[in-house]
Amino acid sequence: MAAEFLEEVSRRSGQRFEGCYHCLSCGGGCPVVEAMDYNPNQIIRMVQRGMREEVLGSKAIWVCVGCFSCLSQCPNRVHIPAMMDTLREMALGARRLLSADIGLADTGIAGPGGGTSAKPVGLFYLGLATPAGTAVQELRLEGDRRQNREATALAALALLVGYLERGQLGIGTLE
């Protein structure tokens, strides 16, 4: 069972996680680790141990902002942002299995580093999965790291509140 979950996360993310030394460098560079229920290396360990429900139900996979600080700190370049993106996708799929009504996710590059010409600092995507469908919203922000994170959180909440108030998705709806 443990190997199956690890292999699924590895296959879906295109990354391997066996190289993690559990040295805690990832958490040391993470700007949002204090808001997480499990630090990044604990999430990797839980994936390795096959703790699917605990991982997909964790706060950490939603708090991660995909800033790549963990990746830059990791001596083995374990790609935690790719893992967190995959886990969020899996959790949204679990929404259907768990009969949850709503799933909300974000991913992006808060800065100051980690951006490329294709994916610049300040590029974020919000996803909202509901019984009415799935909406995706792209954000292009120009603030500093803190401002980008705050603006993304506020935009995600606005997307959710808008759906709750109107009962419809509106922007970027995917069927």
N, C-alpha and C. Protein backbone atom coordinates (compact mmCIF):
# COMPACT_ATOMS: atom_id res chain seq x y z
N MET A 1 0.82 -1.20 0.00
CA MET A 1 0.00 0.00 0.00
C MET A 1 0.87 1.26 0.00
N ALA A 2 1.92 1.27 0.86
CA ALA A 2 2.80 2.44 0.93
C ALA A 2 3.49 2.68 -0.40
N ALA A 3 3.99 1.62 -1.00
CA ALA A 3 4.70 1.76 -2.28
C ALA A 3 3.75 2.24 -3.37
N GLU A 4 2.49 1.83 -3.31
CA GLU A 4 1.53 2.23 -4.34
C GLU A 4 1.27 3.74 -4.31
N PHE A 5 1.11 4.30 -3.13
CA PHE A 5 0.86 5.74 -3.02
C PHE A 5 2.09 6.52 -3.47
N LEU A 6 3.26 6.12 -3.03
CA LEU A 6 4.51 6.77 -3.45
C LEU A 6 4.66 6.71 -4.96
N GLU A 7 4.41 5.55 -5.54
CA GLU A 7 4.55 5.40 -6.99
C GLU A 7 3.53 6.25 -7.73
N GLU A 8 2.30 6.34 -7.21
CA GLU A 8 1.28 7.17 -7.85
C GLU A 8 1.68 8.64 -7.83
N VAL A 9 2.16 9.12 -6.69
CA VAL A 9 2.58 10.52 -6.58
C VAL A 9 3.77 10.77 -7.49
N SER A 10 4.72 9.84 -7.53
CA SER A 10 5.89 9.98 -8.39
C SER A 10 5.49 10.01 -9.86
N ARG A 11 4.62 9.09 -10.25
CA ARG A 11 4.18 9.01 -11.65
C ARG A 11 3.42 10.26 -12.06
N ARG A 12 2.49 10.70 -11.23
CA ARG A 12 1.66 11.84 -11.58
C ARG A 12 2.44 13.16 -11.59
N SER A 13 3.45 13.27 -10.73
CA SER A 13 4.24 14.51 -10.65
C SER A 13 5.44 14.49 -11.58
N GLY A 14 5.83 13.30 -12.04
CA GLY A 14 7.03 13.19 -12.86
C GLY A 14 8.31 13.34 -12.06
N GLN A 15 8.22 13.16 -10.75
CA GLN A 15 9.37 13.34 -9.86
C GLN A 15 9.58 12.09 -9.00
N ARG A 16 10.79 11.94 -8.49
CA ARG A 16 11.12 10.84 -7.57
C ARG A 16 11.39 11.45 -6.20
N PHE A 17 10.94 10.79 -5.14
CA PHE A 17 11.07 11.33 -3.79
C PHE A 17 11.89 10.44 -2.86
N GLU A 18 12.47 9.37 -3.39
CA GLU A 18 13.28 8.48 -2.57
C GLU A 18 14.59 9.14 -2.12
N GLY A 19 15.01 10.20 -2.81
CA GLY A 19 16.27 10.85 -2.50
C GLY A 19 16.23 11.76 -1.29
N CYS A 20 15.07 11.91 -0.67
CA CYS A 20 14.97 12.81 0.49
C CYS A 20 15.75 12.24 1.66
N TYR A 21 16.68 13.02 2.20
CA TYR A 21 17.47 12.63 3.38
C TYR A 21 16.73 12.93 4.67
N HIS A 22 15.62 13.65 4.58
CA HIS A 22 14.88 14.12 5.77
C HIS A 22 15.79 14.97 6.65
N CYS A 23 16.53 15.85 5.97
CA CYS A 23 17.49 16.72 6.66
C CYS A 23 16.84 17.99 7.20
N LEU A 24 15.59 18.23 6.81
CA LEU A 24 14.79 19.37 7.26
C LEU A 24 15.17 20.70 6.61
N SER A 25 16.05 20.67 5.62
CA SER A 25 16.42 21.91 4.93
C SER A 25 15.23 22.55 4.24
N CYS A 26 14.33 21.74 3.73
CA CYS A 26 13.16 22.27 3.02
C CYS A 26 12.31 23.13 3.93
N GLY A 27 12.07 22.68 5.14
CA GLY A 27 11.26 23.44 6.09
C GLY A 27 11.98 24.69 6.56
N GLY A 28 13.31 24.63 6.61
CA GLY A 28 14.10 25.78 7.04
C GLY A 28 14.00 26.94 6.07
N GLY A 29 13.78 26.64 4.79
CA GLY A 29 13.66 27.69 3.79
C GLY A 29 12.23 28.06 3.45
N CYS A 30 11.27 27.34 4.01
CA CYS A 30 9.87 27.54 3.65
C CYS A 30 9.29 28.74 4.39
N PRO A 31 8.74 29.71 3.66
CA PRO A 31 8.19 30.90 4.30
C PRO A 31 6.84 30.67 4.98
N VAL A 32 6.19 29.56 4.68
CA VAL A 32 4.86 29.31 5.25
C VAL A 32 4.82 28.07 6.13
N VAL A 33 5.98 27.53 6.49
CA VAL A 33 6.02 26.28 7.25
C VAL A 33 5.28 26.39 8.59
N GLU A 34 5.28 27.56 9.20
CA GLU A 34 4.61 27.71 10.49
C GLU A 34 3.10 27.60 10.37
N ALA A 35 2.56 27.80 9.18
CA ALA A 35 1.12 27.68 8.97
C ALA A 35 0.72 26.25 8.58
N MET A 36 1.70 25.39 8.37
CA MET A 36 1.43 24.01 7.95
C MET A 36 1.21 23.11 9.17
N ASP A 37 0.38 22.10 8.97
CA ASP A 37 0.21 21.10 10.04
C ASP A 37 1.35 20.08 10.00
N TYR A 38 1.94 19.86 8.83
CA TYR A 38 3.12 18.99 8.68
C TYR A 38 4.12 19.75 7.82
N ASN A 39 5.41 19.69 8.18
CA ASN A 39 6.39 20.38 7.35
C ASN A 39 6.65 19.57 6.08
N PRO A 40 7.30 20.17 5.08
CA PRO A 40 7.45 19.47 3.79
C PRO A 40 8.10 18.10 3.90
N ASN A 41 9.12 17.96 4.73
CA ASN A 41 9.78 16.65 4.81
C ASN A 41 8.85 15.62 5.47
N GLN A 42 7.98 16.06 6.37
CA GLN A 42 7.02 15.13 6.96
C GLN A 42 6.01 14.67 5.92
N ILE A 43 5.61 15.56 5.02
CA ILE A 43 4.70 15.17 3.94
C ILE A 43 5.37 14.11 3.06
N ILE A 44 6.64 14.32 2.72
CA ILE A 44 7.36 13.32 1.92
C ILE A 44 7.38 11.99 2.66
N ARG A 45 7.69 12.02 3.94
CA ARG A 45 7.76 10.78 4.73
C ARG A 45 6.39 10.10 4.78
N MET A 46 5.34 10.88 4.92
CA MET A 46 3.99 10.32 4.95
C MET A 46 3.63 9.70 3.60
N VAL A 47 4.05 10.33 2.51
CA VAL A 47 3.84 9.76 1.18
C VAL A 47 4.60 8.44 1.09
N GLN A 48 5.85 8.42 1.54
CA GLN A 48 6.65 7.21 1.50
C GLN A 48 6.04 6.08 2.32
N ARG A 49 5.35 6.43 3.38
CA ARG A 49 4.72 5.43 4.25
C ARG A 49 3.29 5.07 3.83
N GLY A 50 2.82 5.68 2.75
CA GLY A 50 1.51 5.34 2.23
C GLY A 50 0.35 5.93 3.00
N MET A 51 0.55 7.03 3.66
CA MET A 51 -0.48 7.65 4.51
C MET A 51 -1.37 8.58 3.67
N ARG A 52 -2.05 7.99 2.70
CA ARG A 52 -2.84 8.72 1.71
C ARG A 52 -3.87 9.66 2.35
N GLU A 53 -4.72 9.15 3.21
CA GLU A 53 -5.78 9.98 3.79
C GLU A 53 -5.22 11.15 4.59
N GLU A 54 -4.18 10.89 5.38
CA GLU A 54 -3.59 11.95 6.18
C GLU A 54 -2.97 13.04 5.30
N VAL A 55 -2.28 12.61 4.23
CA VAL A 55 -1.63 13.57 3.34
C VAL A 55 -2.66 14.39 2.57
N LEU A 56 -3.64 13.72 1.96
CA LEU A 56 -4.63 14.42 1.15
C LEU A 56 -5.57 15.26 2.00
N GLY A 57 -5.65 14.96 3.28
CA GLY A 57 -6.46 15.75 4.19
C GLY A 57 -5.68 16.79 4.96
N SER A 58 -4.40 16.90 4.67
CA SER A 58 -3.56 17.82 5.43
C SER A 58 -3.72 19.27 4.97
N LYS A 59 -3.44 20.16 5.86
CA LYS A 59 -3.45 21.59 5.57
C LYS A 59 -2.22 21.97 4.74
N ALA A 60 -1.12 21.27 4.96
CA ALA A 60 0.16 21.63 4.33
C ALA A 60 0.09 21.70 2.82
N ILE A 61 -0.64 20.78 2.19
CA ILE A 61 -0.65 20.77 0.72
C ILE A 61 -1.37 21.98 0.16
N TRP A 62 -2.23 22.60 0.94
CA TRP A 62 -2.95 23.80 0.49
C TRP A 62 -2.21 25.07 0.88
N VAL A 63 -1.41 25.02 1.92
CA VAL A 63 -0.67 26.20 2.38
C VAL A 63 0.54 26.46 1.50
N CYS A 64 1.15 25.42 0.97
CA CYS A 64 2.33 25.57 0.10
C CYS A 64 2.02 26.52 -1.04
N VAL A 65 2.88 27.51 -1.24
CA VAL A 65 2.66 28.50 -2.29
C VAL A 65 3.51 28.24 -3.54
N GLY A 66 4.26 27.15 -3.55
CA GLY A 66 5.05 26.80 -4.72
C GLY A 66 6.14 27.80 -5.04
N CYS A 67 6.79 28.32 -4.01
CA CYS A 67 7.80 29.38 -4.19
C CYS A 67 9.18 28.83 -4.55
N PHE A 68 9.38 27.52 -4.43
CA PHE A 68 10.63 26.84 -4.76
C PHE A 68 11.74 27.07 -3.74
N SER A 69 11.46 27.69 -2.60
CA SER A 69 12.48 27.85 -1.56
C SER A 69 12.96 26.50 -1.08
N CYS A 70 12.03 25.56 -0.89
CA CYS A 70 12.40 24.22 -0.43
C CYS A 70 13.34 23.55 -1.43
N LEU A 71 13.02 23.68 -2.70
CA LEU A 71 13.84 23.07 -3.75
C LEU A 71 15.24 23.67 -3.77
N SER A 72 15.35 24.97 -3.58
CA SER A 72 16.66 25.60 -3.59
C SER A 72 17.48 25.23 -2.35
N GLN A 73 16.82 24.87 -1.25
CA GLN A 73 17.51 24.49 -0.02
C GLN A 73 17.91 23.02 0.00
N CYS A 74 17.23 22.20 -0.77
CA CYS A 74 17.40 20.75 -0.71
C CYS A 74 18.73 20.30 -1.33
N PRO A 75 19.55 19.55 -0.58
CA PRO A 75 20.83 19.09 -1.15
C PRO A 75 20.64 18.09 -2.28
N ASN A 76 19.48 17.42 -2.34
CA ASN A 76 19.22 16.44 -3.40
C ASN A 76 18.23 16.93 -4.44
N ARG A 77 17.84 18.22 -4.33
CA ARG A 77 16.92 18.85 -5.29
C ARG A 77 15.61 18.06 -5.42
N VAL A 78 15.10 17.59 -4.29
CA VAL A 78 13.80 16.93 -4.29
C VAL A 78 12.76 18.00 -4.60
N HIS A 79 11.94 17.75 -5.61
CA HIS A 79 11.02 18.76 -6.13
C HIS A 79 9.70 18.75 -5.36
N ILE A 80 9.72 19.37 -4.19
CA ILE A 80 8.54 19.42 -3.33
C ILE A 80 7.40 20.20 -3.97
N PRO A 81 7.65 21.33 -4.66
CA PRO A 81 6.52 22.03 -5.29
C PRO A 81 5.74 21.15 -6.27
N ALA A 82 6.42 20.33 -7.04
CA ALA A 82 5.72 19.42 -7.97
C ALA A 82 4.90 18.40 -7.19
N MET A 83 5.46 17.92 -6.08
CA MET A 83 4.73 16.97 -5.24
C MET A 83 3.48 17.62 -4.66
N MET A 84 3.60 18.84 -4.15
CA MET A 84 2.45 19.52 -3.54
C MET A 84 1.37 19.80 -4.59
N ASP A 85 1.75 20.20 -5.80
CA ASP A 85 0.78 20.40 -6.87
C ASP A 85 0.02 19.10 -7.16
N THR A 86 0.76 18.01 -7.24
CA THR A 86 0.15 16.71 -7.50
C THR A 86 -0.79 16.31 -6.37
N LEU A 87 -0.37 16.52 -5.14
CA LEU A 87 -1.21 16.17 -3.99
C LEU A 87 -2.49 16.99 -3.97
N ARG A 88 -2.39 18.27 -4.35
CA ARG A 88 -3.61 19.09 -4.42
C ARG A 88 -4.56 18.55 -5.49
N GLU A 89 -4.00 18.18 -6.65
CA GLU A 89 -4.83 17.60 -7.71
C GLU A 89 -5.50 16.32 -7.24
N MET A 90 -4.75 15.50 -6.52
CA MET A 90 -5.30 14.25 -6.01
C MET A 90 -6.38 14.53 -4.97
N ALA A 91 -6.17 15.52 -4.13
CA ALA A 91 -7.16 15.87 -3.12
C ALA A 91 -8.44 16.38 -3.76
N LEU A 92 -8.30 17.15 -4.84
CA LEU A 92 -9.50 17.62 -5.54
C LEU A 92 -10.25 16.45 -6.15
N GLY A 93 -9.52 15.48 -6.67
CA GLY A 93 -10.17 14.27 -7.17
C GLY A 93 -10.84 13.51 -6.03
N ALA A 94 -10.22 13.55 -4.87
CA ALA A 94 -10.79 12.89 -3.69
C ALA A 94 -12.08 13.57 -3.26
N ARG A 95 -12.29 14.82 -3.65
CA ARG A 95 -13.52 15.54 -3.32
C ARG A 95 -14.72 14.71 -3.74
N ARG A 96 -14.62 14.15 -4.91
CA ARG A 96 -15.71 13.31 -5.40
C ARG A 96 -15.85 12.03 -4.58
N LEU A 97 -14.71 11.41 -4.28
CA LEU A 97 -14.74 10.16 -3.53
C LEU A 97 -15.23 10.37 -2.10
N LEU A 98 -14.90 11.51 -1.51
CA LEU A 98 -15.25 11.77 -0.12
C LEU A 98 -16.58 12.51 0.02
N SER A 99 -17.22 12.75 -1.09
CA SER A 99 -18.49 13.48 -1.10
C SER A 99 -18.36 14.88 -0.51
N ALA A 100 -17.20 15.48 -0.65
CA ALA A 100 -17.02 16.87 -0.24
C ALA A 100 -17.67 17.74 -1.31
N ASP A 101 -18.23 18.84 -0.90
CA ASP A 101 -18.92 19.71 -1.84
C ASP A 101 -17.98 20.60 -2.64
N ILE A 102 -16.90 21.04 -2.01
CA ILE A 102 -16.05 22.06 -2.62
C ILE A 102 -14.57 21.75 -2.37
N GLY A 103 -13.76 21.98 -3.38
CA GLY A 103 -12.31 21.93 -3.26
C GLY A 103 -11.72 23.22 -3.80
N LEU A 104 -10.77 23.80 -3.08
CA LEU A 104 -10.14 25.06 -3.48
C LEU A 104 -8.63 24.88 -3.45
N ALA A 105 -7.96 25.30 -4.51
CA ALA A 105 -6.51 25.12 -4.59
C ALA A 105 -5.86 26.34 -5.23
N ASP A 106 -4.57 26.52 -4.93
CA ASP A 106 -3.79 27.55 -5.61
C ASP A 106 -2.39 27.03 -5.84
N THR A 107 -1.76 27.58 -6.84
CA THR A 107 -0.36 27.29 -7.10
C THR A 107 0.22 28.51 -7.80
N GLY A 108 1.49 28.76 -7.59
CA GLY A 108 2.11 29.91 -8.23
C GLY A 108 3.49 30.18 -7.70
N ILE A 109 4.04 31.29 -8.12
CA ILE A 109 5.41 31.67 -7.76
C ILE A 109 5.35 33.02 -7.07
N ALA A 110 5.55 33.00 -5.75
CA ALA A 110 5.42 34.21 -4.95
C ALA A 110 6.63 35.13 -5.07
N GLY A 111 7.79 34.57 -5.33
CA GLY A 111 9.00 35.36 -5.42
C GLY A 111 9.77 35.35 -4.12
N PRO A 112 10.88 35.97 -4.01
CA PRO A 112 11.45 36.82 -5.06
C PRO A 112 12.11 36.03 -6.18
N GLY A 113 12.51 34.79 -5.94
CA GLY A 113 13.12 33.98 -6.98
C GLY A 113 12.16 32.91 -7.45
N GLY A 114 12.65 32.03 -8.32
CA GLY A 114 11.88 30.90 -8.78
C GLY A 114 11.15 31.13 -10.09
N GLY A 115 11.10 32.36 -10.56
CA GLY A 115 10.38 32.64 -11.79
C GLY A 115 11.24 32.38 -13.03
N THR A 116 10.57 32.16 -14.14
CA THR A 116 11.23 32.02 -15.43
C THR A 116 10.47 32.92 -16.42
N SER A 117 10.93 32.99 -17.64
CA SER A 117 10.21 33.80 -18.62
C SER A 117 8.84 33.19 -18.91
N ALA A 118 8.74 31.87 -18.86
CA ALA A 118 7.45 31.21 -19.10
C ALA A 118 6.54 31.27 -17.87
N LYS A 119 7.14 31.22 -16.69
CA LYS A 119 6.39 31.26 -15.44
C LYS A 119 7.02 32.32 -14.53
N PRO A 120 6.67 33.58 -14.74
CA PRO A 120 7.31 34.66 -13.98
C PRO A 120 6.83 34.72 -12.54
N VAL A 121 7.64 35.36 -11.71
CA VAL A 121 7.22 35.65 -10.34
C VAL A 121 5.91 36.42 -10.41
N GLY A 122 4.96 36.04 -9.57
CA GLY A 122 3.66 36.69 -9.55
C GLY A 122 2.59 35.96 -10.35
N LEU A 123 2.96 34.88 -11.06
CA LEU A 123 1.98 34.09 -11.80
C LEU A 123 1.38 33.05 -10.86
N PHE A 124 0.07 33.10 -10.70
CA PHE A 124 -0.65 32.15 -9.84
C PHE A 124 -1.87 31.64 -10.57
N TYR A 125 -2.30 30.45 -10.18
CA TYR A 125 -3.55 29.89 -10.66
C TYR A 125 -4.36 29.45 -9.46
N LEU A 126 -5.65 29.75 -9.51
CA LEU A 126 -6.59 29.32 -8.48
C LEU A 126 -7.51 28.29 -9.13
N GLY A 127 -7.86 27.27 -8.37
CA GLY A 127 -8.80 26.27 -8.86
C GLY A 127 -9.91 26.07 -7.84
N LEU A 128 -11.13 26.01 -8.33
CA LEU A 128 -12.28 25.77 -7.47
C LEU A 128 -13.09 24.63 -8.10
N ALA A 129 -13.22 23.52 -7.38
CA ALA A 129 -14.01 22.39 -7.85
C ALA A 129 -15.27 22.31 -7.03
N THR A 130 -16.42 22.33 -7.70
CA THR A 130 -17.72 22.31 -7.04
C THR A 130 -18.64 21.37 -7.81
N PRO A 131 -19.81 21.08 -7.26
CA PRO A 131 -20.76 20.28 -8.02
C PRO A 131 -21.18 20.95 -9.34
N ALA A 132 -21.06 22.27 -9.41
CA ALA A 132 -21.43 23.00 -10.63
C ALA A 132 -20.35 22.92 -11.71
N GLY A 133 -19.16 22.46 -11.36
CA GLY A 133 -18.07 22.38 -12.31
C GLY A 133 -16.77 22.83 -11.67
N THR A 134 -15.81 23.12 -12.50
CA THR A 134 -14.49 23.54 -12.04
C THR A 134 -14.14 24.87 -12.68
N ALA A 135 -13.64 25.79 -11.87
CA ALA A 135 -13.23 27.09 -12.39
C ALA A 135 -11.73 27.26 -12.14
N VAL A 136 -11.07 27.89 -13.09
CA VAL A 136 -9.66 28.21 -12.96
C VAL A 136 -9.50 29.69 -13.21
N GLN A 137 -8.74 30.34 -12.34
CA GLN A 137 -8.48 31.77 -12.49
C GLN A 137 -6.97 32.00 -12.49
N GLU A 138 -6.49 32.74 -13.48
CA GLU A 138 -5.08 33.11 -13.55
C GLU A 138 -4.90 34.49 -12.93
N LEU A 139 -3.86 34.62 -12.13
CA LEU A 139 -3.49 35.92 -11.54
C LEU A 139 -2.10 36.28 -12.01
N ARG A 140 -1.89 37.54 -12.32
CA ARG A 140 -0.55 38.05 -12.61
C ARG A 140 -0.33 39.23 -11.68
N LEU A 141 0.46 38.97 -10.64
CA LEU A 141 0.68 39.94 -9.58
C LEU A 141 2.05 40.56 -9.70
N GLU A 142 2.20 41.76 -9.15
CA GLU A 142 3.48 42.47 -9.28
C GLU A 142 4.03 42.94 -7.94
N GLY A 143 3.51 42.38 -6.84
CA GLY A 143 3.99 42.79 -5.53
C GLY A 143 5.23 42.04 -5.10
N ASP A 144 5.64 42.29 -3.86
CA ASP A 144 6.72 41.50 -3.29
C ASP A 144 6.13 40.16 -2.82
N ARG A 145 6.95 39.32 -2.26
CA ARG A 145 6.54 37.98 -1.85
C ARG A 145 5.30 38.02 -0.95
N ARG A 146 5.35 38.81 0.10
CA ARG A 146 4.24 38.90 1.05
C ARG A 146 2.98 39.39 0.37
N GLN A 147 3.12 40.43 -0.44
CA GLN A 147 1.96 40.99 -1.13
C GLN A 147 1.35 39.98 -2.11
N ASN A 148 2.20 39.24 -2.82
CA ASN A 148 1.71 38.24 -3.76
C ASN A 148 0.95 37.13 -3.04
N ARG A 149 1.50 36.68 -1.92
CA ARG A 149 0.83 35.62 -1.15
C ARG A 149 -0.51 36.10 -0.60
N GLU A 150 -0.51 37.30 -0.06
CA GLU A 150 -1.76 37.84 0.49
C GLU A 150 -2.81 38.06 -0.61
N ALA A 151 -2.38 38.61 -1.74
CA ALA A 151 -3.32 38.85 -2.84
C ALA A 151 -3.89 37.53 -3.37
N THR A 152 -3.06 36.49 -3.42
CA THR A 152 -3.54 35.19 -3.87
C THR A 152 -4.56 34.62 -2.90
N ALA A 153 -4.25 34.70 -1.61
CA ALA A 153 -5.19 34.18 -0.60
C ALA A 153 -6.52 34.93 -0.67
N LEU A 154 -6.46 36.24 -0.80
CA LEU A 154 -7.69 37.03 -0.89
C LEU A 154 -8.48 36.70 -2.17
N ALA A 155 -7.78 36.52 -3.27
CA ALA A 155 -8.45 36.18 -4.52
C ALA A 155 -9.10 34.79 -4.43
N ALA A 156 -8.42 33.85 -3.78
CA ALA A 156 -8.99 32.51 -3.60
C ALA A 156 -10.25 32.58 -2.75
N LEU A 157 -10.18 33.34 -1.68
CA LEU A 157 -11.37 33.49 -0.83
C LEU A 157 -12.50 34.18 -1.59
N ALA A 158 -12.17 35.19 -2.39
CA ALA A 158 -13.19 35.88 -3.17
C ALA A 158 -13.83 34.93 -4.18
N LEU A 159 -13.04 34.07 -4.79
CA LEU A 159 -13.57 33.08 -5.73
C LEU A 159 -14.55 32.15 -5.01
N LEU A 160 -14.15 31.69 -3.83
CA LEU A 160 -15.01 30.81 -3.04
C LEU A 160 -16.29 31.52 -2.58
N VAL A 161 -16.14 32.70 -2.02
CA VAL A 161 -17.31 33.46 -1.54
C VAL A 161 -18.25 33.77 -2.70
N GLY A 162 -17.69 34.15 -3.85
CA GLY A 162 -18.52 34.43 -5.01
C GLY A 162 -19.35 33.22 -5.40
N TYR A 163 -18.74 32.05 -5.36
CA TYR A 163 -19.49 30.84 -5.67
C TYR A 163 -20.56 30.58 -4.62
N LEU A 164 -20.21 30.71 -3.35
CA LEU A 164 -21.17 30.45 -2.27
C LEU A 164 -22.35 31.42 -2.31
N GLU A 165 -22.09 32.66 -2.67
CA GLU A 165 -23.17 33.65 -2.72
C GLU A 165 -24.07 33.49 -3.95
N ARG A 166 -23.45 33.17 -5.10
CA ARG A 166 -24.22 33.11 -6.34
C ARG A 166 -24.61 31.70 -6.76
N GLY A 167 -23.85 30.72 -6.23
CA GLY A 167 -24.13 29.34 -6.62
C GLY A 167 -23.69 29.02 -8.04
N GLN A 168 -22.87 29.89 -8.63
CA GLN A 168 -22.35 29.65 -9.96
C GLN A 168 -20.89 30.05 -10.00
N LEU A 169 -20.18 29.49 -10.96
CA LEU A 169 -18.74 29.69 -11.01
C LEU A 169 -18.33 30.96 -11.72
N GLY A 170 -18.83 31.21 -12.90
CA GLY A 170 -18.48 32.45 -13.60
C GLY A 170 -17.20 32.35 -14.38
N ILE A 171 -16.06 32.73 -13.80
CA ILE A 171 -14.81 32.86 -14.55
C ILE A 171 -14.15 31.53 -14.84
N GLY A 172 -13.58 31.43 -16.01
CA GLY A 172 -12.75 30.30 -16.38
C GLY A 172 -13.38 28.94 -16.14
N THR A 173 -14.67 28.81 -16.31
CA THR A 173 -15.35 27.56 -16.00
C THR A 173 -14.95 26.47 -16.97
N LEU A 174 -14.62 25.32 -16.41
CA LEU A 174 -14.32 24.12 -17.19
C LEU A 174 -15.43 23.11 -16.93
N GLU A 175 -15.88 22.45 -17.93
CA GLU A 175 -16.94 21.44 -17.72
C GLU A 175 -16.39 20.07 -17.90
